[in-house]
Each structure stands twice: as structure tokens, then as C-alpha cells.
Amino acid sequence: MSKTAVVYWSGTGNTEAMAEEIAKVCNADLYHASDFNAELMSNYQAVAFGCPSMGAEELEDGEFAPMFDSVKGSLSGKRIALFGSYDWGDGEWMRIWQEECENLGAQLVADGLIVHLTPDSEGLAACRQLGKLLAPQ
């Protein structure tokens, strides 16, 4: 049986709401970034990573980025989804993050999902669709 995880960091609750919606659909284990590491990564065939855009369109650097750096060596061949909320910019952080994952050999199930601020009904529907794509095959 394929196991799925959703790992996120959220400062305002927006990305957390996205994570919860994705996890419900694909029956995933839900982790805050501070509770996930490379050792846990080996337990999963598919992982959704969620982080909002911070600063000059970058990943949160206190908890999320260090955790993500620790799992990079385990991404090759894994089914991966990326998501997050933003307030400004044009999604550059997601494009950079997606390219990095592809270069590491991850099998992205879809383009990174970004939602402006709090996910509305359309944003939550997009989260559910991403969860369906990530669900065990």
C-alpha cells in the first residue's frame, strides 16, 4: 500500500487550510514542517509540501527550508506535490521550488498550486484536485 504525507509550514493559517484539504482527499498523514525529517521521508511514496511565499518570494527559512533541505536527497523517484499561499509577487518562489524538485528527480504530480491569501471555495477545490492527483495509484 502506498503511503502519502502532507508536510507544511503556515504563518497565518492559509497554507495550513490548504494542507488539511489536500490531506483529507488523499488520506495522508499530516505533519507540521518541524515534525518531519529525512528519516520519515523514507516511509512515504508520495509527499505534498506546502509553504507560503515569504520575503522576496522564498520559502520560510526558520523551519520549512531546513526541513526541506534535509529531505532533498530523498526526492528522486517520489511522487511530489507543492502548494502554498501568497500575498504579493507572481509566484516566482513556486516556479523556482518546482524546478529544484524536478532537477532532484522528483515526479511532480502537477504544477505547484498557489492561492492568494486565504483559500476561497475555488482554492479549496484546487486543493482537493491536487489531493486526488497525489492519492495512491
N, C-alpha and C. Protein backbone atom coordinates (compact mmCIF):
# COMPACT_ATOMS: atom_id res chain seq x y z
N MET A 1 0.84 -1.19 0.00
CA MET A 1 0.00 0.00 0.00
C MET A 1 0.88 1.25 0.00
N SER A 2 0.53 2.18 -0.85
CA SER A 2 1.27 3.42 -0.95
C SER A 2 0.89 4.36 0.18
N LYS A 3 1.89 4.96 0.80
CA LYS A 3 1.65 5.90 1.88
C LYS A 3 1.91 7.31 1.40
N THR A 4 1.10 8.24 1.89
CA THR A 4 1.19 9.64 1.48
C THR A 4 1.29 10.52 2.71
N ALA A 5 2.08 11.59 2.60
CA ALA A 5 2.22 12.58 3.66
C ALA A 5 1.98 13.97 3.08
N VAL A 6 1.46 14.84 3.92
CA VAL A 6 1.36 16.26 3.60
C VAL A 6 2.14 16.98 4.69
N VAL A 7 3.13 17.77 4.27
CA VAL A 7 4.04 18.46 5.19
C VAL A 7 3.95 19.94 4.88
N TYR A 8 3.72 20.77 5.90
CA TYR A 8 3.50 22.20 5.64
C TYR A 8 4.09 23.07 6.75
N TRP A 9 4.24 24.33 6.41
CA TRP A 9 4.50 25.40 7.38
C TRP A 9 3.52 26.51 7.06
N SER A 10 2.95 27.12 8.08
CA SER A 10 1.96 28.18 7.87
C SER A 10 2.11 29.23 8.95
N GLY A 11 2.20 30.46 8.54
CA GLY A 11 2.30 31.56 9.50
C GLY A 11 0.95 32.16 9.86
N THR A 12 0.01 32.14 8.92
CA THR A 12 -1.29 32.78 9.14
C THR A 12 -2.45 31.80 9.14
N GLY A 13 -2.18 30.54 8.79
CA GLY A 13 -3.24 29.54 8.71
C GLY A 13 -3.71 29.27 7.30
N ASN A 14 -3.32 30.10 6.33
CA ASN A 14 -3.77 29.90 4.95
C ASN A 14 -3.21 28.61 4.35
N THR A 15 -1.91 28.42 4.47
CA THR A 15 -1.29 27.21 3.92
C THR A 15 -1.71 25.99 4.74
N GLU A 16 -1.94 26.17 6.02
CA GLU A 16 -2.45 25.08 6.85
C GLU A 16 -3.81 24.61 6.36
N ALA A 17 -4.70 25.55 6.01
CA ALA A 17 -6.02 25.18 5.49
C ALA A 17 -5.89 24.40 4.19
N MET A 18 -4.94 24.80 3.36
CA MET A 18 -4.69 24.08 2.11
C MET A 18 -4.20 22.66 2.41
N ALA A 19 -3.27 22.54 3.35
CA ALA A 19 -2.71 21.24 3.73
C ALA A 19 -3.80 20.31 4.23
N GLU A 20 -4.65 20.81 5.08
CA GLU A 20 -5.73 19.98 5.64
C GLU A 20 -6.67 19.48 4.55
N GLU A 21 -6.97 20.34 3.59
CA GLU A 21 -7.87 19.95 2.50
C GLU A 21 -7.23 18.88 1.62
N ILE A 22 -5.97 19.05 1.29
CA ILE A 22 -5.25 18.07 0.48
C ILE A 22 -5.17 16.73 1.22
N ALA A 23 -4.82 16.77 2.49
CA ALA A 23 -4.65 15.55 3.29
C ALA A 23 -5.96 14.77 3.39
N LYS A 24 -7.08 15.47 3.53
CA LYS A 24 -8.38 14.78 3.64
C LYS A 24 -8.65 13.94 2.40
N VAL A 25 -8.40 14.52 1.24
CA VAL A 25 -8.74 13.87 -0.02
C VAL A 25 -7.88 12.63 -0.27
N CYS A 26 -6.60 12.71 0.05
CA CYS A 26 -5.71 11.58 -0.26
C CYS A 26 -5.40 10.73 0.96
N ASN A 27 -6.14 10.95 2.05
CA ASN A 27 -5.99 10.16 3.27
C ASN A 27 -4.52 10.11 3.73
N ALA A 28 -3.91 11.29 3.77
CA ALA A 28 -2.48 11.40 4.07
C ALA A 28 -2.23 11.65 5.54
N ASP A 29 -1.03 11.30 5.96
CA ASP A 29 -0.55 11.71 7.28
C ASP A 29 -0.16 13.18 7.17
N LEU A 30 -0.58 13.98 8.14
CA LEU A 30 -0.36 15.43 8.12
C LEU A 30 0.72 15.80 9.13
N TYR A 31 1.73 16.53 8.66
CA TYR A 31 2.85 16.93 9.51
C TYR A 31 3.10 18.43 9.40
N HIS A 32 3.39 19.06 10.52
CA HIS A 32 3.97 20.40 10.50
C HIS A 32 5.43 20.21 10.13
N ALA A 33 6.02 21.16 9.44
CA ALA A 33 7.41 21.04 8.98
C ALA A 33 8.37 20.71 10.11
N SER A 34 8.13 21.24 11.30
CA SER A 34 9.03 20.99 12.42
C SER A 34 8.98 19.55 12.91
N ASP A 35 7.98 18.78 12.49
CA ASP A 35 7.82 17.39 12.92
C ASP A 35 8.21 16.38 11.85
N PHE A 36 8.77 16.85 10.74
CA PHE A 36 9.10 15.96 9.62
C PHE A 36 10.59 16.02 9.35
N ASN A 37 11.16 14.89 8.88
CA ASN A 37 12.60 14.86 8.59
C ASN A 37 12.90 13.79 7.54
N ALA A 38 14.18 13.67 7.19
CA ALA A 38 14.59 12.73 6.15
C ALA A 38 14.28 11.28 6.53
N GLU A 39 14.38 10.96 7.81
CA GLU A 39 14.07 9.60 8.25
C GLU A 39 12.61 9.26 7.97
N LEU A 40 11.70 10.18 8.25
CA LEU A 40 10.28 9.95 7.97
C LEU A 40 10.00 9.87 6.47
N MET A 41 10.76 10.62 5.70
CA MET A 41 10.56 10.66 4.25
C MET A 41 10.61 9.25 3.65
N SER A 42 11.45 8.40 4.20
CA SER A 42 11.59 7.05 3.66
C SER A 42 10.33 6.20 3.82
N ASN A 43 9.39 6.64 4.66
CA ASN A 43 8.14 5.91 4.88
C ASN A 43 7.07 6.20 3.84
N TYR A 44 7.33 7.15 2.94
CA TYR A 44 6.29 7.63 2.03
C TYR A 44 6.69 7.53 0.57
N GLN A 45 5.73 7.14 -0.25
CA GLN A 45 5.93 7.11 -1.70
C GLN A 45 5.52 8.43 -2.34
N ALA A 46 4.65 9.17 -1.66
CA ALA A 46 4.15 10.45 -2.18
C ALA A 46 4.10 11.46 -1.03
N VAL A 47 4.53 12.69 -1.34
CA VAL A 47 4.53 13.75 -0.32
C VAL A 47 4.12 15.06 -0.97
N ALA A 48 3.21 15.77 -0.31
CA ALA A 48 2.88 17.15 -0.69
C ALA A 48 3.57 18.07 0.30
N PHE A 49 4.30 19.03 -0.22
CA PHE A 49 4.98 20.02 0.61
C PHE A 49 4.29 21.37 0.42
N GLY A 50 3.96 22.03 1.55
CA GLY A 50 3.30 23.32 1.48
C GLY A 50 4.03 24.38 2.26
N CYS A 51 4.28 25.51 1.61
CA CYS A 51 4.95 26.63 2.26
C CYS A 51 4.51 27.92 1.57
N PRO A 52 4.14 28.93 2.33
CA PRO A 52 3.77 30.20 1.70
C PRO A 52 5.01 30.93 1.19
N SER A 53 4.74 31.88 0.34
CA SER A 53 5.80 32.77 -0.13
C SER A 53 6.16 33.72 0.99
N MET A 54 7.45 33.83 1.26
CA MET A 54 7.94 34.71 2.32
C MET A 54 8.89 35.74 1.73
N GLY A 55 9.05 36.86 2.40
CA GLY A 55 10.03 37.86 2.00
C GLY A 55 9.98 38.17 0.52
N ALA A 56 11.11 38.03 -0.14
CA ALA A 56 11.21 38.30 -1.57
C ALA A 56 10.92 37.02 -2.35
N GLU A 57 9.76 36.44 -2.12
CA GLU A 57 9.32 35.21 -2.77
C GLU A 57 10.32 34.09 -2.55
N GLU A 58 10.34 33.60 -1.32
CA GLU A 58 11.21 32.49 -0.96
C GLU A 58 10.50 31.63 0.08
N LEU A 59 11.04 30.43 0.32
CA LEU A 59 10.49 29.54 1.33
C LEU A 59 10.81 30.08 2.72
N GLU A 60 9.93 29.80 3.67
CA GLU A 60 10.15 30.20 5.07
C GLU A 60 11.47 29.56 5.53
N ASP A 61 12.37 30.38 6.10
CA ASP A 61 13.73 29.89 6.36
C ASP A 61 14.02 29.45 7.79
N GLY A 62 13.07 29.58 8.71
CA GLY A 62 13.31 29.17 10.09
C GLY A 62 13.06 27.69 10.33
N GLU A 63 11.96 27.16 9.79
CA GLU A 63 11.59 25.76 9.99
C GLU A 63 11.46 25.00 8.67
N PHE A 64 10.76 25.60 7.71
CA PHE A 64 10.47 24.85 6.50
C PHE A 64 11.71 24.58 5.66
N ALA A 65 12.46 25.62 5.31
CA ALA A 65 13.63 25.44 4.44
C ALA A 65 14.63 24.44 5.02
N PRO A 66 14.97 24.51 6.32
CA PRO A 66 15.89 23.49 6.85
C PRO A 66 15.33 22.07 6.74
N MET A 67 14.04 21.89 7.00
CA MET A 67 13.44 20.56 6.86
C MET A 67 13.52 20.12 5.40
N PHE A 68 13.16 21.01 4.48
CA PHE A 68 13.16 20.65 3.07
C PHE A 68 14.57 20.32 2.60
N ASP A 69 15.55 21.09 3.05
CA ASP A 69 16.95 20.79 2.71
C ASP A 69 17.33 19.39 3.17
N SER A 70 16.80 18.97 4.33
CA SER A 70 17.15 17.65 4.88
C SER A 70 16.55 16.50 4.08
N VAL A 71 15.48 16.75 3.32
CA VAL A 71 14.83 15.67 2.57
C VAL A 71 15.16 15.68 1.08
N LYS A 72 15.89 16.68 0.62
CA LYS A 72 16.18 16.80 -0.82
C LYS A 72 16.79 15.54 -1.40
N GLY A 73 17.68 14.90 -0.66
CA GLY A 73 18.32 13.69 -1.14
C GLY A 73 17.38 12.51 -1.29
N SER A 74 16.15 12.63 -0.79
CA SER A 74 15.17 11.55 -0.85
C SER A 74 14.06 11.80 -1.86
N LEU A 75 14.14 12.88 -2.63
CA LEU A 75 13.05 13.24 -3.54
C LEU A 75 13.05 12.44 -4.84
N SER A 76 14.20 11.97 -5.28
CA SER A 76 14.28 11.29 -6.57
C SER A 76 13.34 10.08 -6.60
N GLY A 77 12.49 10.06 -7.63
CA GLY A 77 11.56 8.95 -7.81
C GLY A 77 10.28 9.05 -7.00
N LYS A 78 10.20 9.99 -6.08
CA LYS A 78 8.98 10.14 -5.26
C LYS A 78 7.95 10.98 -6.02
N ARG A 79 6.68 10.68 -5.77
CA ARG A 79 5.58 11.50 -6.29
C ARG A 79 5.43 12.69 -5.35
N ILE A 80 5.56 13.89 -5.89
CA ILE A 80 5.61 15.11 -5.09
C ILE A 80 4.58 16.11 -5.59
N ALA A 81 3.97 16.83 -4.65
CA ALA A 81 3.11 17.97 -4.96
C ALA A 81 3.61 19.15 -4.13
N LEU A 82 3.51 20.35 -4.68
CA LEU A 82 3.91 21.57 -4.00
C LEU A 82 2.72 22.53 -3.95
N PHE A 83 2.59 23.23 -2.83
CA PHE A 83 1.48 24.18 -2.69
C PHE A 83 1.85 25.26 -1.69
N GLY A 84 1.10 26.36 -1.75
CA GLY A 84 1.29 27.43 -0.77
C GLY A 84 0.48 28.66 -1.10
N SER A 85 0.37 29.53 -0.12
CA SER A 85 -0.36 30.78 -0.30
C SER A 85 0.64 31.92 -0.46
N TYR A 86 0.15 33.03 -0.98
CA TYR A 86 1.00 34.20 -1.17
C TYR A 86 0.15 35.46 -1.03
N ASP A 87 0.84 36.59 -0.83
CA ASP A 87 0.14 37.87 -0.72
C ASP A 87 0.57 38.82 -1.83
N TRP A 88 1.81 38.72 -2.25
CA TRP A 88 2.32 39.60 -3.30
C TRP A 88 3.21 38.78 -4.22
N GLY A 89 3.64 39.42 -5.30
CA GLY A 89 4.50 38.74 -6.26
C GLY A 89 3.69 37.99 -7.29
N ASP A 90 4.39 37.18 -8.07
CA ASP A 90 3.72 36.47 -9.17
C ASP A 90 3.91 34.96 -9.14
N GLY A 91 4.37 34.45 -8.01
CA GLY A 91 4.55 33.00 -7.89
C GLY A 91 5.96 32.53 -8.21
N GLU A 92 6.90 33.45 -8.27
CA GLU A 92 8.28 33.09 -8.60
C GLU A 92 8.82 32.02 -7.64
N TRP A 93 8.50 32.14 -6.35
CA TRP A 93 9.01 31.15 -5.38
C TRP A 93 8.56 29.74 -5.74
N MET A 94 7.34 29.62 -6.23
CA MET A 94 6.83 28.30 -6.59
C MET A 94 7.51 27.77 -7.83
N ARG A 95 7.74 28.62 -8.82
CA ARG A 95 8.42 28.17 -10.04
C ARG A 95 9.84 27.71 -9.74
N ILE A 96 10.55 28.45 -8.90
CA ILE A 96 11.92 28.09 -8.52
C ILE A 96 11.91 26.76 -7.76
N TRP A 97 10.98 26.63 -6.81
CA TRP A 97 10.87 25.43 -5.99
C TRP A 97 10.54 24.21 -6.85
N GLN A 98 9.61 24.39 -7.78
CA GLN A 98 9.21 23.31 -8.67
C GLN A 98 10.40 22.87 -9.53
N GLU A 99 11.13 23.82 -10.09
CA GLU A 99 12.29 23.48 -10.91
C GLU A 99 13.34 22.73 -10.10
N GLU A 100 13.56 23.17 -8.87
CA GLU A 100 14.51 22.50 -7.99
C GLU A 100 14.11 21.04 -7.77
N CYS A 101 12.83 20.80 -7.49
CA CYS A 101 12.35 19.44 -7.27
C CYS A 101 12.51 18.58 -8.51
N GLU A 102 12.20 19.13 -9.66
CA GLU A 102 12.36 18.39 -10.91
C GLU A 102 13.83 18.04 -11.13
N ASN A 103 14.73 18.98 -10.86
CA ASN A 103 16.16 18.74 -11.02
C ASN A 103 16.67 17.67 -10.06
N LEU A 104 15.98 17.49 -8.93
CA LEU A 104 16.36 16.47 -7.96
C LEU A 104 15.74 15.10 -8.27
N GLY A 105 14.98 15.02 -9.35
CA GLY A 105 14.40 13.75 -9.77
C GLY A 105 13.02 13.46 -9.25
N ALA A 106 12.39 14.43 -8.61
CA ALA A 106 11.02 14.23 -8.12
C ALA A 106 10.05 14.11 -9.30
N GLN A 107 9.01 13.34 -9.11
CA GLN A 107 7.96 13.21 -10.10
C GLN A 107 6.79 14.09 -9.66
N LEU A 108 6.75 15.31 -10.15
CA LEU A 108 5.69 16.23 -9.75
C LEU A 108 4.36 15.78 -10.36
N VAL A 109 3.33 15.69 -9.52
CA VAL A 109 2.03 15.23 -9.99
C VAL A 109 1.26 16.34 -10.70
N ALA A 110 1.69 17.60 -10.50
CA ALA A 110 1.04 18.76 -11.11
C ALA A 110 1.96 19.96 -10.91
N ASP A 111 1.65 21.03 -11.62
CA ASP A 111 2.35 22.29 -11.35
C ASP A 111 2.03 22.71 -9.92
N GLY A 112 2.94 23.45 -9.31
CA GLY A 112 2.72 23.93 -7.95
C GLY A 112 1.43 24.73 -7.84
N LEU A 113 0.70 24.50 -6.78
CA LEU A 113 -0.58 25.17 -6.54
C LEU A 113 -0.36 26.38 -5.64
N ILE A 114 -0.72 27.56 -6.13
CA ILE A 114 -0.63 28.76 -5.30
C ILE A 114 -2.02 29.38 -5.18
N VAL A 115 -2.30 29.88 -3.98
CA VAL A 115 -3.58 30.51 -3.69
C VAL A 115 -3.30 31.87 -3.05
N HIS A 116 -3.97 32.89 -3.53
CA HIS A 116 -3.80 34.23 -2.97
C HIS A 116 -4.51 34.32 -1.62
N LEU A 117 -3.71 34.57 -0.59
CA LEU A 117 -4.19 34.72 0.79
C LEU A 117 -4.99 33.50 1.24
N THR A 118 -6.17 33.73 1.83
CA THR A 118 -7.00 32.65 2.36
C THR A 118 -7.67 31.89 1.22
N PRO A 119 -7.56 30.56 1.20
CA PRO A 119 -8.19 29.82 0.12
C PRO A 119 -9.72 29.96 0.17
N ASP A 120 -10.30 30.41 -0.95
CA ASP A 120 -11.75 30.51 -1.07
C ASP A 120 -12.26 29.17 -1.61
N SER A 121 -13.52 29.11 -1.99
CA SER A 121 -14.09 27.84 -2.45
C SER A 121 -13.35 27.32 -3.68
N GLU A 122 -12.94 28.21 -4.57
CA GLU A 122 -12.19 27.79 -5.76
C GLU A 122 -10.81 27.27 -5.37
N GLY A 123 -10.16 27.93 -4.43
CA GLY A 123 -8.85 27.49 -3.96
C GLY A 123 -8.93 26.15 -3.25
N LEU A 124 -9.96 25.96 -2.44
CA LEU A 124 -10.14 24.67 -1.76
C LEU A 124 -10.43 23.55 -2.75
N ALA A 125 -11.18 23.88 -3.81
CA ALA A 125 -11.45 22.88 -4.86
C ALA A 125 -10.15 22.49 -5.55
N ALA A 126 -9.27 23.46 -5.78
CA ALA A 126 -7.97 23.17 -6.39
C ALA A 126 -7.12 22.28 -5.46
N CYS A 127 -7.24 22.51 -4.15
CA CYS A 127 -6.54 21.67 -3.18
C CYS A 127 -7.06 20.23 -3.25
N ARG A 128 -8.37 20.09 -3.34
CA ARG A 128 -8.95 18.74 -3.43
C ARG A 128 -8.48 18.04 -4.70
N GLN A 129 -8.40 18.79 -5.80
CA GLN A 129 -7.94 18.20 -7.06
C GLN A 129 -6.48 17.76 -6.92
N LEU A 130 -5.66 18.58 -6.28
CA LEU A 130 -4.26 18.21 -6.07
C LEU A 130 -4.16 16.96 -5.20
N GLY A 131 -5.02 16.87 -4.17
CA GLY A 131 -5.05 15.68 -3.34
C GLY A 131 -5.40 14.43 -4.12
N LYS A 132 -6.32 14.55 -5.05
CA LYS A 132 -6.71 13.41 -5.89
C LYS A 132 -5.53 12.96 -6.75
N LEU A 133 -4.79 13.93 -7.28
CA LEU A 133 -3.64 13.60 -8.13
C LEU A 133 -2.53 12.93 -7.32
N LEU A 134 -2.41 13.29 -6.05
CA LEU A 134 -1.36 12.75 -5.19
C LEU A 134 -1.75 11.41 -4.57
N ALA A 135 -3.04 11.14 -4.51
CA ALA A 135 -3.54 9.91 -3.85
C ALA A 135 -2.85 8.68 -4.40
N PRO A 136 -2.74 7.65 -3.57
CA PRO A 136 -2.10 6.41 -4.02
C PRO A 136 -2.69 5.92 -5.32
N GLN A 137 -1.81 5.46 -6.17
CA GLN A 137 -2.22 4.97 -7.50
C GLN A 137 -2.65 3.53 -7.43
